[in-house]
């Protein structure tokens, strides 16, 4: 059985999770207004990890540009990736 302190800690942790999720939704709206995205922004937009984005670049599924040593992605390329993925699933 949990005591009051354990319940309070559990509630605090779950509220942090939801706060982070709300932040990501706000971030997603801001990202959708950009033309170029960083690896982190692309990951948030696609709902994946930074490593997942880099894997797509390595496999040739997503084109990346280098800007000051950082990978940058065109939002249009990411949207195209989403569309082509959904077309493959619907066949």
N, C-alpha and C. Protein backbone atom coordinates (compact mmCIF):
# COMPACT_ATOMS: atom_id res chain seq x y z
N UNK A 1 0.84 -1.18 0.00
CA UNK A 1 0.00 0.00 0.00
C UNK A 1 0.89 1.24 0.00
N UNK A 2 0.49 2.28 -0.77
CA UNK A 2 1.28 3.51 -0.85
C UNK A 2 0.87 4.48 0.24
N UNK A 3 1.87 5.16 0.80
CA UNK A 3 1.55 6.21 1.76
C UNK A 3 1.30 7.52 1.00
N UNK A 4 0.96 8.56 1.73
CA UNK A 4 0.62 9.84 1.09
C UNK A 4 1.77 10.42 0.29
N UNK A 5 3.01 10.29 0.78
CA UNK A 5 4.18 10.82 0.06
C UNK A 5 4.36 10.13 -1.28
N UNK A 6 4.17 8.81 -1.30
CA UNK A 6 4.31 8.07 -2.55
C UNK A 6 3.24 8.48 -3.55
N UNK A 7 2.02 8.67 -3.08
CA UNK A 7 0.93 9.12 -3.95
C UNK A 7 1.22 10.50 -4.52
N UNK A 8 1.71 11.40 -3.66
CA UNK A 8 2.03 12.76 -4.11
C UNK A 8 3.12 12.73 -5.18
N UNK A 9 4.16 11.91 -4.96
CA UNK A 9 5.25 11.79 -5.94
C UNK A 9 4.74 11.23 -7.26
N UNK A 10 3.86 10.25 -7.18
CA UNK A 10 3.30 9.65 -8.40
C UNK A 10 2.49 10.69 -9.18
N UNK A 11 1.69 11.48 -8.49
CA UNK A 11 0.89 12.51 -9.13
C UNK A 11 1.77 13.60 -9.75
N UNK A 12 2.86 13.96 -9.06
CA UNK A 12 3.78 14.97 -9.59
C UNK A 12 4.43 14.47 -10.87
N UNK A 13 4.86 13.21 -10.87
CA UNK A 13 5.50 12.64 -12.06
C UNK A 13 4.54 12.57 -13.24
N UNK A 14 3.30 12.16 -12.99
CA UNK A 14 2.34 12.08 -14.10
C UNK A 14 1.99 13.46 -14.63
N UNK A 15 1.92 14.47 -13.75
CA UNK A 15 1.62 15.82 -14.23
C UNK A 15 2.77 16.37 -15.05
N UNK A 16 4.03 16.00 -14.70
CA UNK A 16 5.18 16.42 -15.51
C UNK A 16 5.09 15.83 -16.90
N UNK A 17 4.64 14.56 -16.98
CA UNK A 17 4.49 13.91 -18.28
C UNK A 17 3.51 14.70 -19.15
N UNK A 18 2.36 15.06 -18.58
CA UNK A 18 1.36 15.77 -19.37
C UNK A 18 1.81 17.18 -19.71
N UNK A 19 2.55 17.84 -18.82
CA UNK A 19 3.09 19.16 -19.14
C UNK A 19 4.04 19.07 -20.32
N UNK A 20 4.90 18.06 -20.33
CA UNK A 20 5.84 17.87 -21.44
C UNK A 20 5.06 17.62 -22.72
N UNK A 21 4.01 16.83 -22.67
CA UNK A 21 3.21 16.53 -23.86
C UNK A 21 2.56 17.80 -24.41
N UNK A 22 2.05 18.64 -23.52
CA UNK A 22 1.45 19.90 -23.95
C UNK A 22 2.50 20.81 -24.58
N UNK A 23 3.69 20.82 -24.00
CA UNK A 23 4.78 21.61 -24.56
C UNK A 23 5.10 21.12 -25.97
N UNK A 24 5.13 19.81 -26.16
CA UNK A 24 5.42 19.27 -27.48
C UNK A 24 4.34 19.67 -28.49
N UNK A 25 3.08 19.73 -28.07
CA UNK A 25 2.02 20.17 -28.98
C UNK A 25 2.20 21.63 -29.36
N UNK A 26 2.58 22.45 -28.41
CA UNK A 26 2.83 23.87 -28.71
C UNK A 26 4.05 23.98 -29.62
N UNK A 27 5.06 23.17 -29.34
CA UNK A 27 6.26 23.16 -30.18
C UNK A 27 5.91 22.71 -31.58
N UNK A 28 5.04 21.71 -31.69
CA UNK A 28 4.63 21.21 -33.00
C UNK A 28 3.96 22.29 -33.84
N UNK A 29 3.13 23.10 -33.21
CA UNK A 29 2.49 24.21 -33.95
C UNK A 29 3.53 25.21 -34.44
N UNK A 30 4.53 25.50 -33.60
CA UNK A 30 5.60 26.43 -33.99
C UNK A 30 6.45 25.82 -35.11
N UNK A 31 6.71 24.53 -35.00
CA UNK A 31 7.52 23.85 -36.01
C UNK A 31 6.84 23.89 -37.38
N UNK A 32 5.54 23.70 -37.39
CA UNK A 32 4.79 23.66 -38.64
C UNK A 32 4.88 24.98 -39.41
N UNK A 33 5.27 26.05 -38.74
CA UNK A 33 5.39 27.35 -39.39
C UNK A 33 6.77 27.58 -40.01
N UNK A 34 7.72 26.69 -39.71
CA UNK A 34 9.09 26.85 -40.19
C UNK A 34 9.27 26.21 -41.56
N UNK A 35 10.31 26.64 -42.26
CA UNK A 35 10.65 26.07 -43.55
C UNK A 35 11.71 24.97 -43.41
N UNK A 36 12.66 25.18 -42.48
CA UNK A 36 13.72 24.22 -42.20
C UNK A 36 13.66 23.81 -40.74
N UNK A 37 13.93 22.52 -40.48
CA UNK A 37 13.87 22.00 -39.12
C UNK A 37 15.20 21.38 -38.72
N UNK A 38 15.50 21.45 -37.43
CA UNK A 38 16.66 20.75 -36.89
C UNK A 38 16.29 19.27 -36.73
N UNK A 39 17.27 18.45 -36.37
CA UNK A 39 17.01 17.03 -36.15
C UNK A 39 15.98 16.84 -35.04
N UNK A 40 16.10 17.57 -33.95
CA UNK A 40 15.17 17.47 -32.83
C UNK A 40 13.75 17.87 -33.26
N UNK A 41 13.63 18.97 -33.99
CA UNK A 41 12.32 19.43 -34.44
C UNK A 41 11.69 18.42 -35.40
N UNK A 42 12.51 17.86 -36.29
CA UNK A 42 12.00 16.84 -37.22
C UNK A 42 11.52 15.62 -36.47
N UNK A 43 12.25 15.24 -35.41
CA UNK A 43 11.85 14.09 -34.60
C UNK A 43 10.52 14.34 -33.90
N UNK A 44 10.36 15.53 -33.35
CA UNK A 44 9.09 15.87 -32.69
C UNK A 44 7.96 15.86 -33.71
N UNK A 45 8.19 16.44 -34.87
CA UNK A 45 7.18 16.52 -35.93
C UNK A 45 6.74 15.13 -36.38
N UNK A 46 7.69 14.20 -36.49
CA UNK A 46 7.37 12.84 -36.95
C UNK A 46 7.02 11.90 -35.80
N UNK A 47 7.20 12.35 -34.58
CA UNK A 47 6.88 11.49 -33.44
C UNK A 47 7.89 10.37 -33.26
N UNK A 48 9.14 10.64 -33.53
CA UNK A 48 10.19 9.65 -33.40
C UNK A 48 11.36 10.24 -32.61
N UNK A 49 12.49 9.60 -32.67
CA UNK A 49 13.67 10.08 -31.94
C UNK A 49 14.66 10.72 -32.90
N UNK A 50 15.67 11.38 -32.34
CA UNK A 50 16.74 11.94 -33.16
C UNK A 50 17.43 10.82 -33.96
N UNK A 51 17.66 9.69 -33.29
CA UNK A 51 18.29 8.55 -33.95
C UNK A 51 17.45 8.01 -35.09
N UNK A 52 16.13 8.02 -34.92
CA UNK A 52 15.23 7.59 -35.99
C UNK A 52 15.34 8.48 -37.22
N UNK A 53 15.50 9.77 -36.98
CA UNK A 53 15.68 10.73 -38.09
C UNK A 53 17.00 10.45 -38.80
N UNK A 54 18.07 10.29 -38.01
CA UNK A 54 19.37 10.02 -38.62
C UNK A 54 19.37 8.71 -39.40
N UNK A 55 18.65 7.70 -38.90
CA UNK A 55 18.54 6.44 -39.64
C UNK A 55 17.84 6.63 -40.99
N UNK A 56 16.81 7.46 -41.01
CA UNK A 56 16.11 7.72 -42.28
C UNK A 56 17.04 8.44 -43.28
N UNK A 57 17.89 9.32 -42.75
CA UNK A 57 18.86 10.00 -43.61
C UNK A 57 19.85 8.97 -44.16
N UNK A 58 20.37 8.12 -43.28
CA UNK A 58 21.35 7.10 -43.68
C UNK A 58 20.77 6.15 -44.73
N UNK A 59 19.48 5.78 -44.58
CA UNK A 59 18.83 4.88 -45.54
C UNK A 59 18.38 5.57 -46.81
N UNK A 60 18.54 6.89 -46.88
CA UNK A 60 18.15 7.63 -48.07
C UNK A 60 16.67 7.94 -48.15
N UNK A 61 15.94 7.79 -47.05
CA UNK A 61 14.50 8.06 -47.03
C UNK A 61 14.20 9.54 -46.83
N UNK A 62 15.17 10.26 -46.27
CA UNK A 62 14.97 11.67 -45.95
C UNK A 62 16.23 12.44 -46.31
N UNK A 63 16.07 13.51 -47.06
CA UNK A 63 17.22 14.32 -47.47
C UNK A 63 17.54 15.33 -46.37
N UNK A 64 18.83 15.48 -46.09
CA UNK A 64 19.27 16.43 -45.07
C UNK A 64 20.27 17.40 -45.69
N UNK A 65 20.27 18.61 -45.18
CA UNK A 65 21.25 19.62 -45.56
C UNK A 65 22.14 19.86 -44.37
N UNK A 66 23.36 20.29 -44.61
CA UNK A 66 24.26 20.64 -43.52
C UNK A 66 24.35 22.17 -43.43
N UNK A 67 24.16 22.68 -42.24
CA UNK A 67 24.28 24.12 -42.00
C UNK A 67 25.09 24.29 -40.72
N UNK A 68 26.29 24.83 -40.85
CA UNK A 68 27.21 24.99 -39.72
C UNK A 68 27.41 23.68 -38.98
N UNK A 69 27.54 22.58 -39.73
CA UNK A 69 27.80 21.28 -39.14
C UNK A 69 26.57 20.57 -38.59
N UNK A 70 25.41 21.17 -38.71
CA UNK A 70 24.18 20.56 -38.19
C UNK A 70 23.33 20.07 -39.34
N UNK A 71 22.60 18.99 -39.09
CA UNK A 71 21.65 18.51 -40.08
C UNK A 71 20.40 19.37 -40.03
N UNK A 72 19.92 19.77 -41.18
CA UNK A 72 18.69 20.54 -41.30
C UNK A 72 17.80 19.85 -42.32
N UNK A 73 16.50 19.96 -42.14
CA UNK A 73 15.54 19.26 -43.00
C UNK A 73 14.49 20.23 -43.50
N UNK A 74 14.15 20.11 -44.78
CA UNK A 74 13.06 20.91 -45.33
C UNK A 74 11.74 20.32 -44.84
N UNK A 75 10.85 21.17 -44.37
CA UNK A 75 9.54 20.70 -43.92
C UNK A 75 8.80 20.02 -45.07
N UNK A 76 8.95 20.53 -46.28
CA UNK A 76 8.29 19.93 -47.44
C UNK A 76 8.77 18.49 -47.67
N UNK A 77 10.07 18.22 -47.44
CA UNK A 77 10.61 16.86 -47.59
C UNK A 77 10.01 15.92 -46.54
N UNK A 78 9.84 16.42 -45.33
CA UNK A 78 9.27 15.60 -44.26
C UNK A 78 7.80 15.31 -44.56
N UNK A 79 7.07 16.31 -45.03
CA UNK A 79 5.67 16.09 -45.40
C UNK A 79 5.57 15.07 -46.54
N UNK A 80 6.49 15.13 -47.48
CA UNK A 80 6.52 14.18 -48.59
C UNK A 80 6.77 12.76 -48.08
N UNK A 81 7.66 12.63 -47.09
CA UNK A 81 7.93 11.33 -46.48
C UNK A 81 6.67 10.77 -45.83
N UNK A 82 5.93 11.62 -45.15
CA UNK A 82 4.68 11.19 -44.51
C UNK A 82 3.67 10.73 -45.56
N UNK A 83 3.52 11.52 -46.62
CA UNK A 83 2.57 11.17 -47.68
C UNK A 83 2.94 9.87 -48.37
N UNK A 84 4.24 9.68 -48.67
CA UNK A 84 4.63 8.45 -49.35
C UNK A 84 4.46 7.25 -48.44
N UNK A 85 4.65 7.43 -47.16
CA UNK A 85 4.46 6.34 -46.19
C UNK A 85 2.99 5.95 -46.11
N UNK A 86 2.10 6.93 -46.10
CA UNK A 86 0.68 6.64 -46.01
C UNK A 86 0.16 6.01 -47.31
N UNK A 87 0.73 6.38 -48.45
CA UNK A 87 0.32 5.78 -49.72
C UNK A 87 0.70 4.31 -49.77
N UNK A 88 1.88 3.96 -49.23
CA UNK A 88 2.32 2.55 -49.21
C UNK A 88 1.42 1.72 -48.33
N UNK A 89 0.95 2.27 -47.23
CA UNK A 89 0.09 1.53 -46.31
C UNK A 89 -1.30 1.32 -46.87
N UNK A 90 -1.79 2.25 -47.68
CA UNK A 90 -3.16 2.16 -48.18
C UNK A 90 -3.29 1.20 -49.37
N UNK A 91 -2.16 0.79 -49.97
CA UNK A 91 -2.23 -0.12 -51.10
C UNK A 91 -2.54 -1.52 -50.69
